[in-house]
Structure formats: structure tokens, C-alpha cells
Amino acid sequence: MTATSRMHPQLVLLLELQDLRSQHRELGEEEGAGEVERAHFHIDLEKARSELEDKIQELEASLNPVVRKRYQRVLPNRDRVVVPVINGVCYGCFVSIPTATVGDEGAHQELQGCENCGRFIYILS
């Protein structure tokens, strides 16, 4: 059983969205971004960015409306909307997460968030 197969399905979608948004940024943020992809793999960067945008919109639309609203509220202020909790610490804001949240055996069965920064969290032991 993989780590993502134990996670809440909406959390898996949020992680996929985060990855796609990161790829989208990498293809266009900096001057010369994507030159390796263009030169060595003959990728049309505009087409790739457009396809990523389409997939991002598709995944956002598939989110539960409550989750989508929270995601859209957190997204403008954060590059990463989903972060791990390692040793009881949120790796978005580096604040301790309550023990009851971290120690819960069914922690991945429900979507959880950091009370300090608002990001979605997943527990790594």
C-alpha cells in the first residue's frame, strides 16, 4: 500500500494540483526557463503551459466545493498549499501541531489543516 493510497482522496488531488502548479511556474517564471525542455526534448512551451493550465482547472473543478473554497483562500498567499507534518511540526509555518492531531491513527482519513497557517497537512511519522 502506497502512502497516497492511505490518504484522503481530496488530499491526493491537492498534492497533484500543487505539483502541476509548480511545473507550470518552472516553465515560465524565469528568463530562459524551459530552454532545456525546448532544445533537447523539442517541447512547445506555450502548448505545455496551456495543457498544464487546463489540467489544473480540471482538477480544481473536481475538488469538493468546501475544499475548493479553502484551497482558493490559501493559494494566493502560499506557493505550497499542502505540507507535511514531521515530528509534530507543520513544515509550512514551522509551528507545533496539537498532539491529538498528530497522534490520530486515522489522520489521513479526514482532511486536516494547520491552525496557524491554514495549509492542508499530512502526517509523516
N, C-alpha and C. Protein backbone atom coordinates (compact mmCIF):
# COMPACT_ATOMS: atom_id res chain seq x y z
N MET A 1 0.86 -1.18 0.00
CA MET A 1 0.00 0.00 0.00
C MET A 1 0.90 1.24 0.00
N THR A 2 0.68 2.14 -0.93
CA THR A 2 1.49 3.35 -1.02
C THR A 2 0.97 4.41 -0.06
N ALA A 3 1.82 5.41 0.19
CA ALA A 3 1.42 6.49 1.11
C ALA A 3 0.19 7.21 0.61
N THR A 4 0.11 7.48 -0.70
CA THR A 4 -1.04 8.21 -1.21
C THR A 4 -2.31 7.37 -1.21
N SER A 5 -2.19 6.04 -1.24
CA SER A 5 -3.40 5.22 -1.22
C SER A 5 -4.06 5.25 0.16
N ARG A 6 -3.32 5.65 1.20
CA ARG A 6 -3.88 5.77 2.54
C ARG A 6 -4.42 7.17 2.80
N MET A 7 -4.17 8.09 1.91
CA MET A 7 -4.57 9.49 2.11
C MET A 7 -6.00 9.71 1.63
N HIS A 8 -6.60 10.72 2.20
CA HIS A 8 -7.92 11.17 1.79
C HIS A 8 -7.86 11.51 0.30
N PRO A 9 -8.84 11.09 -0.50
CA PRO A 9 -8.80 11.35 -1.95
C PRO A 9 -8.65 12.83 -2.32
N GLN A 10 -9.26 13.71 -1.53
CA GLN A 10 -9.14 15.14 -1.82
C GLN A 10 -7.72 15.64 -1.55
N LEU A 11 -7.04 15.06 -0.57
CA LEU A 11 -5.66 15.42 -0.28
C LEU A 11 -4.75 14.99 -1.44
N VAL A 12 -5.03 13.83 -2.01
CA VAL A 12 -4.26 13.37 -3.18
C VAL A 12 -4.44 14.36 -4.33
N LEU A 13 -5.67 14.81 -4.58
CA LEU A 13 -5.92 15.81 -5.63
C LEU A 13 -5.18 17.11 -5.34
N LEU A 14 -5.18 17.53 -4.09
CA LEU A 14 -4.47 18.76 -3.72
C LEU A 14 -2.97 18.64 -3.96
N LEU A 15 -2.41 17.48 -3.66
CA LEU A 15 -0.98 17.26 -3.92
C LEU A 15 -0.69 17.28 -5.42
N GLU A 16 -1.58 16.68 -6.22
CA GLU A 16 -1.41 16.70 -7.67
C GLU A 16 -1.49 18.13 -8.19
N LEU A 17 -2.44 18.89 -7.69
CA LEU A 17 -2.56 20.30 -8.09
C LEU A 17 -1.30 21.09 -7.75
N GLN A 18 -0.80 20.86 -6.56
CA GLN A 18 0.42 21.55 -6.13
C GLN A 18 1.58 21.24 -7.06
N ASP A 19 1.70 19.98 -7.46
CA ASP A 19 2.78 19.57 -8.36
C ASP A 19 2.60 20.22 -9.74
N LEU A 20 1.39 20.21 -10.27
CA LEU A 20 1.14 20.81 -11.57
C LEU A 20 1.41 22.32 -11.56
N ARG A 21 1.01 22.98 -10.49
CA ARG A 21 1.27 24.43 -10.38
C ARG A 21 2.77 24.71 -10.32
N SER A 22 3.51 23.86 -9.65
CA SER A 22 4.96 24.01 -9.58
C SER A 22 5.59 23.83 -10.97
N GLN A 23 5.14 22.83 -11.69
CA GLN A 23 5.64 22.62 -13.05
C GLN A 23 5.30 23.80 -13.95
N HIS A 24 4.11 24.32 -13.80
CA HIS A 24 3.67 25.47 -14.60
C HIS A 24 4.57 26.67 -14.34
N ARG A 25 4.86 26.93 -13.05
CA ARG A 25 5.75 28.04 -12.69
C ARG A 25 7.14 27.85 -13.29
N GLU A 26 7.65 26.64 -13.21
CA GLU A 26 9.00 26.35 -13.70
C GLU A 26 9.13 26.58 -15.20
N LEU A 27 8.07 26.41 -15.93
CA LEU A 27 8.12 26.59 -17.38
C LEU A 27 8.01 28.04 -17.82
N GLY A 28 7.79 28.95 -16.88
CA GLY A 28 7.60 30.30 -17.36
C GLY A 28 8.03 31.44 -16.48
N GLU A 29 8.44 31.17 -15.26
CA GLU A 29 8.75 32.26 -14.34
C GLU A 29 10.01 33.02 -14.69
N GLU A 30 11.08 32.31 -14.94
CA GLU A 30 12.36 32.97 -15.13
C GLU A 30 12.75 33.03 -16.60
N GLU A 31 13.56 34.01 -16.92
CA GLU A 31 14.07 34.10 -18.28
C GLU A 31 14.90 32.86 -18.57
N GLY A 32 14.67 32.25 -19.70
CA GLY A 32 15.40 31.05 -20.07
C GLY A 32 14.79 29.78 -19.50
N ALA A 33 13.70 29.92 -18.73
CA ALA A 33 13.04 28.75 -18.17
C ALA A 33 12.53 27.86 -19.30
N GLY A 34 12.74 26.59 -19.16
CA GLY A 34 12.24 25.65 -20.16
C GLY A 34 13.13 25.50 -21.38
N GLU A 35 14.28 26.16 -21.40
CA GLU A 35 15.15 26.06 -22.57
C GLU A 35 15.65 24.64 -22.78
N VAL A 36 15.95 23.93 -21.71
CA VAL A 36 16.39 22.54 -21.84
C VAL A 36 15.28 21.70 -22.45
N GLU A 37 14.05 21.90 -21.95
CA GLU A 37 12.91 21.16 -22.49
C GLU A 37 12.71 21.46 -23.98
N ARG A 38 12.85 22.72 -24.34
CA ARG A 38 12.66 23.13 -25.73
C ARG A 38 13.79 22.58 -26.61
N ALA A 39 15.04 22.75 -26.18
CA ALA A 39 16.19 22.39 -27.01
C ALA A 39 16.38 20.88 -27.12
N HIS A 40 16.28 20.17 -26.01
CA HIS A 40 16.61 18.75 -26.02
C HIS A 40 15.41 17.83 -26.24
N PHE A 41 14.24 18.28 -25.83
CA PHE A 41 13.07 17.42 -25.93
C PHE A 41 12.05 17.95 -26.95
N HIS A 42 12.37 19.09 -27.56
CA HIS A 42 11.53 19.69 -28.60
C HIS A 42 10.09 19.89 -28.13
N ILE A 43 9.97 20.43 -26.93
CA ILE A 43 8.66 20.70 -26.34
C ILE A 43 8.24 22.13 -26.66
N ASP A 44 7.01 22.29 -27.09
CA ASP A 44 6.43 23.60 -27.31
C ASP A 44 5.99 24.11 -25.93
N LEU A 45 6.74 25.07 -25.39
CA LEU A 45 6.50 25.53 -24.02
C LEU A 45 5.12 26.15 -23.84
N GLU A 46 4.68 26.91 -24.82
CA GLU A 46 3.35 27.52 -24.70
C GLU A 46 2.26 26.46 -24.66
N LYS A 47 2.42 25.44 -25.50
CA LYS A 47 1.44 24.35 -25.51
C LYS A 47 1.49 23.59 -24.18
N ALA A 48 2.69 23.33 -23.68
CA ALA A 48 2.84 22.63 -22.41
C ALA A 48 2.19 23.42 -21.28
N ARG A 49 2.45 24.74 -21.23
CA ARG A 49 1.85 25.58 -20.19
C ARG A 49 0.33 25.58 -20.31
N SER A 50 -0.18 25.64 -21.54
CA SER A 50 -1.62 25.62 -21.77
C SER A 50 -2.24 24.30 -21.30
N GLU A 51 -1.58 23.19 -21.61
CA GLU A 51 -2.08 21.89 -21.18
C GLU A 51 -2.06 21.77 -19.65
N LEU A 52 -1.02 22.30 -19.03
CA LEU A 52 -0.96 22.29 -17.57
C LEU A 52 -2.09 23.13 -16.98
N GLU A 53 -2.35 24.31 -17.56
CA GLU A 53 -3.44 25.17 -17.08
C GLU A 53 -4.78 24.44 -17.19
N ASP A 54 -5.00 23.75 -18.31
CA ASP A 54 -6.25 23.01 -18.49
C ASP A 54 -6.41 21.92 -17.44
N LYS A 55 -5.33 21.19 -17.19
CA LYS A 55 -5.38 20.10 -16.21
C LYS A 55 -5.59 20.66 -14.79
N ILE A 56 -4.95 21.79 -14.49
CA ILE A 56 -5.13 22.43 -13.19
C ILE A 56 -6.60 22.81 -13.00
N GLN A 57 -7.19 23.42 -14.02
CA GLN A 57 -8.61 23.81 -13.92
C GLN A 57 -9.51 22.59 -13.75
N GLU A 58 -9.18 21.51 -14.46
CA GLU A 58 -9.97 20.28 -14.37
C GLU A 58 -9.90 19.70 -12.95
N LEU A 59 -8.70 19.65 -12.39
CA LEU A 59 -8.56 19.11 -11.03
C LEU A 59 -9.21 20.02 -9.99
N GLU A 60 -9.07 21.33 -10.16
CA GLU A 60 -9.72 22.26 -9.23
C GLU A 60 -11.23 22.07 -9.24
N ALA A 61 -11.79 21.86 -10.42
CA ALA A 61 -13.24 21.67 -10.54
C ALA A 61 -13.69 20.37 -9.88
N SER A 62 -12.80 19.39 -9.80
CA SER A 62 -13.17 18.10 -9.20
C SER A 62 -13.06 18.09 -7.68
N LEU A 63 -12.52 19.17 -7.10
CA LEU A 63 -12.45 19.25 -5.64
C LEU A 63 -13.84 19.44 -5.06
N ASN A 64 -14.04 18.92 -3.88
CA ASN A 64 -15.25 19.16 -3.12
C ASN A 64 -15.39 20.68 -2.96
N PRO A 65 -16.60 21.25 -3.10
CA PRO A 65 -16.75 22.71 -3.02
C PRO A 65 -16.17 23.35 -1.75
N VAL A 66 -16.30 22.70 -0.61
CA VAL A 66 -15.76 23.24 0.64
C VAL A 66 -14.23 23.25 0.58
N VAL A 67 -13.65 22.17 0.08
CA VAL A 67 -12.20 22.06 -0.05
C VAL A 67 -11.70 23.07 -1.06
N ARG A 68 -12.41 23.20 -2.19
CA ARG A 68 -12.01 24.16 -3.23
C ARG A 68 -12.00 25.59 -2.69
N LYS A 69 -12.99 25.93 -1.89
CA LYS A 69 -13.06 27.28 -1.32
C LYS A 69 -11.86 27.54 -0.41
N ARG A 70 -11.54 26.59 0.43
CA ARG A 70 -10.38 26.74 1.33
C ARG A 70 -9.09 26.79 0.52
N TYR A 71 -8.97 25.94 -0.47
CA TYR A 71 -7.79 25.90 -1.35
C TYR A 71 -7.61 27.27 -2.01
N GLN A 72 -8.68 27.84 -2.54
CA GLN A 72 -8.60 29.14 -3.21
C GLN A 72 -8.30 30.27 -2.25
N ARG A 73 -8.67 30.10 -0.99
CA ARG A 73 -8.36 31.11 0.02
C ARG A 73 -6.88 31.08 0.40
N VAL A 74 -6.30 29.89 0.49
CA VAL A 74 -4.90 29.73 0.90
C VAL A 74 -3.94 30.00 -0.26
N LEU A 75 -4.32 29.60 -1.47
CA LEU A 75 -3.44 29.63 -2.64
C LEU A 75 -2.78 30.98 -2.95
N PRO A 76 -3.47 32.10 -2.92
CA PRO A 76 -2.82 33.36 -3.30
C PRO A 76 -1.66 33.76 -2.40
N ASN A 77 -1.64 33.27 -1.17
CA ASN A 77 -0.62 33.66 -0.21
C ASN A 77 0.49 32.64 -0.02
N ARG A 78 0.37 31.49 -0.64
CA ARG A 78 1.30 30.38 -0.39
C ARG A 78 1.65 29.68 -1.70
N ASP A 79 2.94 29.37 -1.89
CA ASP A 79 3.33 28.55 -3.02
C ASP A 79 2.88 27.11 -2.82
N ARG A 80 2.93 26.67 -1.56
CA ARG A 80 2.56 25.30 -1.23
C ARG A 80 1.33 25.31 -0.33
N VAL A 81 0.28 24.69 -0.83
CA VAL A 81 -0.99 24.64 -0.10
C VAL A 81 -1.05 23.41 0.79
N VAL A 82 -0.28 22.39 0.45
CA VAL A 82 -0.25 21.14 1.20
C VAL A 82 1.17 20.92 1.69
N VAL A 83 1.32 20.67 3.00
CA VAL A 83 2.65 20.48 3.59
C VAL A 83 2.63 19.31 4.55
N PRO A 84 3.80 18.70 4.75
CA PRO A 84 3.86 17.60 5.73
C PRO A 84 3.99 18.13 7.15
N VAL A 85 3.62 17.27 8.07
CA VAL A 85 3.89 17.48 9.48
C VAL A 85 4.91 16.42 9.86
N ILE A 86 6.08 16.86 10.28
CA ILE A 86 7.15 15.94 10.65
C ILE A 86 7.51 16.20 12.11
N ASN A 87 7.50 15.14 12.90
CA ASN A 87 7.79 15.25 14.33
C ASN A 87 6.93 16.31 15.01
N GLY A 88 5.66 16.38 14.59
CA GLY A 88 4.72 17.29 15.22
C GLY A 88 4.81 18.74 14.80
N VAL A 89 5.60 19.02 13.74
CA VAL A 89 5.79 20.40 13.29
C VAL A 89 5.27 20.57 11.86
N CYS A 90 4.45 21.58 11.65
CA CYS A 90 3.97 21.93 10.31
C CYS A 90 5.15 22.47 9.51
N TYR A 91 5.44 21.89 8.35
CA TYR A 91 6.54 22.34 7.53
C TYR A 91 6.13 23.44 6.54
N GLY A 92 5.03 24.09 6.85
CA GLY A 92 4.64 25.29 6.13
C GLY A 92 5.00 26.52 6.94
N CYS A 93 4.69 26.46 8.25
CA CYS A 93 4.94 27.61 9.12
C CYS A 93 5.85 27.28 10.29
N PHE A 94 6.21 26.00 10.44
CA PHE A 94 7.13 25.53 11.49
C PHE A 94 6.59 25.77 12.90
N VAL A 95 5.29 25.61 13.05
CA VAL A 95 4.64 25.71 14.35
C VAL A 95 4.20 24.30 14.74
N SER A 96 4.27 23.99 16.02
CA SER A 96 3.86 22.68 16.52
C SER A 96 2.37 22.47 16.31
N ILE A 97 2.04 21.26 15.90
CA ILE A 97 0.65 20.85 15.67
C ILE A 97 0.18 20.14 16.94
N PRO A 98 -1.07 20.34 17.37
CA PRO A 98 -1.56 19.67 18.57
C PRO A 98 -1.35 18.16 18.52
N THR A 99 -0.96 17.61 19.65
CA THR A 99 -0.67 16.18 19.75
C THR A 99 -1.86 15.33 19.32
N ALA A 100 -3.06 15.75 19.63
CA ALA A 100 -4.24 14.98 19.26
C ALA A 100 -4.34 14.83 17.74
N THR A 101 -3.94 15.83 16.99
CA THR A 101 -3.97 15.77 15.53
C THR A 101 -2.87 14.85 15.01
N VAL A 102 -1.68 15.01 15.52
CA VAL A 102 -0.52 14.26 15.06
C VAL A 102 -0.63 12.79 15.41
N GLY A 103 -1.15 12.50 16.59
CA GLY A 103 -1.20 11.12 17.08
C GLY A 103 -2.39 10.33 16.61
N ASP A 104 -3.31 10.93 15.93
CA ASP A 104 -4.52 10.26 15.48
C ASP A 104 -4.18 9.21 14.42
N GLU A 105 -4.56 7.94 14.70
CA GLU A 105 -4.26 6.87 13.76
C GLU A 105 -5.01 7.04 12.44
N GLY A 106 -6.15 7.66 12.44
CA GLY A 106 -6.91 7.88 11.22
C GLY A 106 -6.66 9.25 10.63
N ALA A 107 -5.47 9.79 10.86
CA ALA A 107 -5.17 11.17 10.47
C ALA A 107 -5.37 11.44 8.99
N HIS A 108 -5.20 10.43 8.16
CA HIS A 108 -5.32 10.66 6.73
C HIS A 108 -6.72 10.35 6.19
N GLN A 109 -7.61 9.94 7.06
CA GLN A 109 -8.97 9.65 6.63
C GLN A 109 -9.81 10.92 6.51
N GLU A 110 -9.35 11.98 7.15
CA GLU A 110 -10.02 13.28 7.08
C GLU A 110 -9.02 14.32 6.62
N LEU A 111 -9.51 15.34 5.96
CA LEU A 111 -8.63 16.46 5.61
C LEU A 111 -8.36 17.26 6.87
N GLN A 112 -7.11 17.59 7.07
CA GLN A 112 -6.74 18.37 8.23
C GLN A 112 -5.96 19.59 7.79
N GLY A 113 -6.00 20.60 8.62
CA GLY A 113 -5.29 21.83 8.31
C GLY A 113 -4.51 22.34 9.50
N CYS A 114 -3.50 23.11 9.21
CA CYS A 114 -2.72 23.75 10.26
C CYS A 114 -3.54 24.93 10.78
N GLU A 115 -3.72 24.97 12.08
CA GLU A 115 -4.49 26.06 12.68
C GLU A 115 -3.77 27.39 12.58
N ASN A 116 -2.46 27.37 12.39
CA ASN A 116 -1.69 28.60 12.32
C ASN A 116 -1.66 29.18 10.90
N CYS A 117 -1.26 28.40 9.89
CA CYS A 117 -1.08 28.94 8.54
C CYS A 117 -2.22 28.61 7.59
N GLY A 118 -3.10 27.68 7.96
CA GLY A 118 -4.26 27.35 7.14
C GLY A 118 -4.00 26.34 6.04
N ARG A 119 -2.74 25.91 5.87
CA ARG A 119 -2.43 24.93 4.84
C ARG A 119 -3.04 23.57 5.20
N PHE A 120 -3.28 22.76 4.14
CA PHE A 120 -3.66 21.38 4.35
C PHE A 120 -2.41 20.64 4.81
N ILE A 121 -2.58 19.69 5.71
CA ILE A 121 -1.41 18.98 6.23
C ILE A 121 -1.61 17.47 6.09
N TYR A 122 -0.48 16.78 6.04
CA TYR A 122 -0.48 15.33 6.13
C TYR A 122 0.64 14.94 7.07
N ILE A 123 0.42 13.87 7.82
CA ILE A 123 1.33 13.49 8.89
C ILE A 123 2.35 12.49 8.37
N LEU A 124 3.63 12.79 8.58
CA LEU A 124 4.71 11.85 8.32
C LEU A 124 5.29 11.44 9.66
N SER A 125 5.45 10.16 9.86
CA SER A 125 6.00 9.74 11.15
C SER A 125 7.49 9.51 11.06
